[in-house]
């Protein structure tokens, strides 16, 4: 996992007092995300492990949830979901925060762990695996 702890702390502090805009980047198309939350929570493993020989899981992870109201992304998520897929891809989410009085663009890379579709939207549950400043 290559999550820069200082950058992650900046993002979490910014979120406490602001509501940044997030976009899911799928195949070069940006889809707005709403109701985004980030939390550090336990993962259902007893010790750090490589799950299924496919991806690494620690005992705690930064989890992210968000809703996309454009259902055209549903077919694009098929190969992105963790689980029975051994060939899954990361989702890229972009946002902008303010750090030291300057705007800072961030790329958040996640593994999709779950999705719940309603008639009007899809809620994505993810684990943050990378965080980059661009």
Protein backbone atom coordinates (compact mmCIF):
# COMPACT_ATOMS: atom_id res chain seq x y z
CA UNK A 1 0.00 0.00 0.00
CA UNK A 2 1.45 3.37 -0.95
CA UNK A 3 -0.77 5.76 0.93
CA UNK A 4 1.21 8.81 2.00
CA UNK A 5 0.14 9.29 5.65
CA UNK A 6 0.75 13.07 5.59
CA UNK A 7 -1.32 13.48 2.42
CA UNK A 8 -4.07 11.28 3.84
CA UNK A 9 -4.09 13.33 7.05
CA UNK A 10 -4.37 16.53 4.97
CA UNK A 11 -7.32 15.06 3.08
CA UNK A 12 -9.11 13.94 6.25
CA UNK A 13 -8.55 17.31 7.96
CA UNK A 14 -9.83 19.14 4.87
CA UNK A 15 -12.95 16.94 4.76
CA UNK A 16 -13.82 17.81 8.38
CA UNK A 17 -14.46 21.47 7.48
CA UNK A 18 -15.15 21.32 3.75
CA UNK A 19 -17.05 19.31 1.17
CA UNK A 20 -14.69 18.64 -1.72
CA UNK A 21 -16.04 17.51 -5.07
CA UNK A 22 -15.07 13.98 -6.12
CA UNK A 23 -15.13 12.40 -9.56
CA UNK A 24 -14.73 8.76 -10.51
CA UNK A 25 -12.48 8.42 -13.56
CA UNK A 26 -13.50 5.42 -15.66
CA UNK A 27 -12.00 5.02 -19.12
CA UNK A 28 -11.16 8.73 -19.23
CA UNK A 29 -14.72 9.86 -18.41
CA UNK A 30 -15.36 11.68 -15.11
CA UNK A 31 -18.48 10.70 -13.18
CA UNK A 32 -19.42 12.98 -10.24
CA UNK A 33 -19.57 11.30 -6.84
CA UNK A 34 -21.76 12.45 -3.96
CA UNK A 35 -22.10 11.50 -0.28
CA UNK A 36 -18.42 10.56 -0.09
CA UNK A 37 -16.99 9.44 3.25
CA UNK A 38 -13.58 8.18 4.34
CA UNK A 39 -13.00 6.24 7.57
CA UNK A 40 -10.30 4.06 9.09
CA UNK A 41 -11.95 0.80 10.07
CA UNK A 42 -11.15 -2.87 10.69
CA UNK A 43 -10.85 -5.44 7.93
CA UNK A 44 -12.06 -9.01 8.59
CA UNK A 45 -8.59 -10.56 8.92
CA UNK A 46 -6.70 -11.40 12.12
CA UNK A 47 -3.27 -10.37 10.82
CA UNK A 48 -1.83 -8.70 7.73
CA UNK A 49 -2.15 -11.17 4.86
CA UNK A 50 -2.23 -11.59 1.11
CA UNK A 51 -5.84 -12.50 0.41
CA UNK A 52 -6.31 -15.24 -2.14
CA UNK A 53 -2.77 -14.63 -3.39
CA UNK A 54 -4.18 -11.61 -5.19
CA UNK A 55 -4.10 -8.53 -2.96
CA UNK A 56 -2.67 -7.50 0.40
CA UNK A 57 -4.94 -6.77 3.34
CA UNK A 58 -3.90 -5.24 6.64
CA UNK A 59 -6.02 -5.48 9.81
CA UNK A 60 -7.20 -1.87 9.39
CA UNK A 61 -7.79 0.04 6.17
CA UNK A 62 -9.01 3.43 5.03
CA UNK A 63 -12.41 2.76 3.53
CA UNK A 64 -14.20 5.09 1.18
CA UNK A 65 -17.87 5.17 0.20
CA UNK A 66 -19.52 7.25 -2.46
CA UNK A 67 -22.57 7.39 -4.69
CA UNK A 68 -22.63 7.80 -8.47
CA UNK A 69 -25.98 8.77 -9.99
CA UNK A 70 -25.02 7.74 -13.55
CA UNK A 71 -25.94 4.06 -13.94
CA UNK A 72 -24.06 3.80 -17.24
CA UNK A 73 -20.99 2.92 -15.13
CA UNK A 74 -22.47 -0.42 -13.98
CA UNK A 75 -21.10 -2.49 -16.91
CA UNK A 76 -17.71 -0.77 -16.51
CA UNK A 77 -17.43 -1.99 -12.90
CA UNK A 78 -17.63 -5.71 -13.75
CA UNK A 79 -13.86 -6.27 -13.88
CA UNK A 80 -13.14 -3.84 -11.03
CA UNK A 81 -14.81 -5.72 -8.15
CA UNK A 82 -12.75 -7.70 -5.66
CA UNK A 83 -14.00 -11.16 -4.87
CA UNK A 84 -14.12 -14.06 -7.24
CA UNK A 85 -12.27 -11.93 -9.83
CA UNK A 86 -8.52 -12.43 -9.71
CA UNK A 87 -8.11 -9.82 -12.43
CA UNK A 88 -9.54 -6.67 -10.95
CA UNK A 89 -8.63 -3.08 -11.55
CA UNK A 90 -8.26 -0.08 -9.32
CA UNK A 91 -10.76 2.73 -9.42
CA UNK A 92 -9.34 6.24 -9.71
CA UNK A 93 -11.10 9.05 -7.88
CA UNK A 94 -9.96 12.63 -8.28
CA UNK A 95 -10.56 15.57 -5.98
CA UNK A 96 -9.07 18.91 -5.01
CA UNK A 97 -8.25 20.07 -1.50
CA UNK A 98 -6.53 23.14 -0.11
CA UNK A 99 -3.20 22.58 1.61
CA UNK A 100 -1.17 25.42 3.12
CA UNK A 101 -3.42 27.91 1.34
CA UNK A 102 -2.87 26.38 -2.12
CA UNK A 103 -5.13 24.11 -4.17
CA UNK A 104 -3.85 20.54 -4.39
CA UNK A 105 -5.20 17.94 -6.81
CA UNK A 106 -5.36 14.40 -5.48
CA UNK A 107 -5.73 10.99 -7.12
CA UNK A 108 -7.21 8.35 -4.85
CA UNK A 109 -6.82 4.78 -6.07
CA UNK A 110 -9.16 2.21 -4.54
CA UNK A 111 -10.19 -1.42 -4.73
CA UNK A 112 -13.94 -1.84 -5.10
CA UNK A 113 -15.22 -4.18 -2.37
CA UNK A 114 -18.98 -3.80 -2.77
CA UNK A 115 -21.62 -1.95 -4.76
CA UNK A 116 -25.32 -1.46 -4.12
CA UNK A 117 -27.49 -0.39 -7.03
CA UNK A 118 -30.79 1.44 -6.69
CA UNK A 119 -33.05 2.55 -9.54
CA UNK A 120 -31.30 5.97 -9.58
CA UNK A 121 -27.75 5.42 -8.34
CA UNK A 122 -25.01 3.04 -7.31
CA UNK A 123 -23.20 3.18 -3.97
CA UNK A 124 -19.57 2.09 -4.10
CA UNK A 125 -17.67 0.74 -1.09
CA UNK A 126 -13.89 0.82 -1.57
CA UNK A 127 -10.58 0.43 0.20
CA UNK A 128 -7.97 3.13 -0.47
CA UNK A 129 -4.75 1.57 -1.79
CA UNK A 130 -2.89 4.63 -3.15
CA UNK A 131 -3.05 8.38 -2.72
CA UNK A 132 -1.11 10.74 -4.96
CA UNK A 133 -0.77 14.48 -5.28
CA UNK A 134 -0.76 15.66 -8.90
